[in-house]
């Protein structure tokens, strides 16, 4: 038989992102082509965030991206809270492995930092 278990979060943020309504996720998708164009056009007003953990970042990342020193996603909200001023009035583009971490992070950045825009690589 199939076992289904209800969980608060698909990927745990330690509860910090638990209150983000589903309506605030699913926004700001960038196709691979749009993401590449945003990377190529970035200037001082753009911040590229790697929303993966330290081990994933060690495999490789986009040049100039910010890779917070986190070992799991539950540490990411604390890093964001401590560094949210650097996102104010900036164009924020981000990427992760499957999308859910970017969805939650993008929604939080939109509502807590005053970023000019927030987009993330789709998928």
Foldseek 3Di string as FASTA:
>chain_A
DDDDDDDQDPFDLVCPLSPQDPVLFPPFEDEPVRVVVCVVPDDQQEAEEEQEEPVVCVVDDDPRHDYDHHHGNNCVVVVCVVPLASQAQGEYEYEYDARPSLRSVQSCSVPPRNHPYYHYHHD
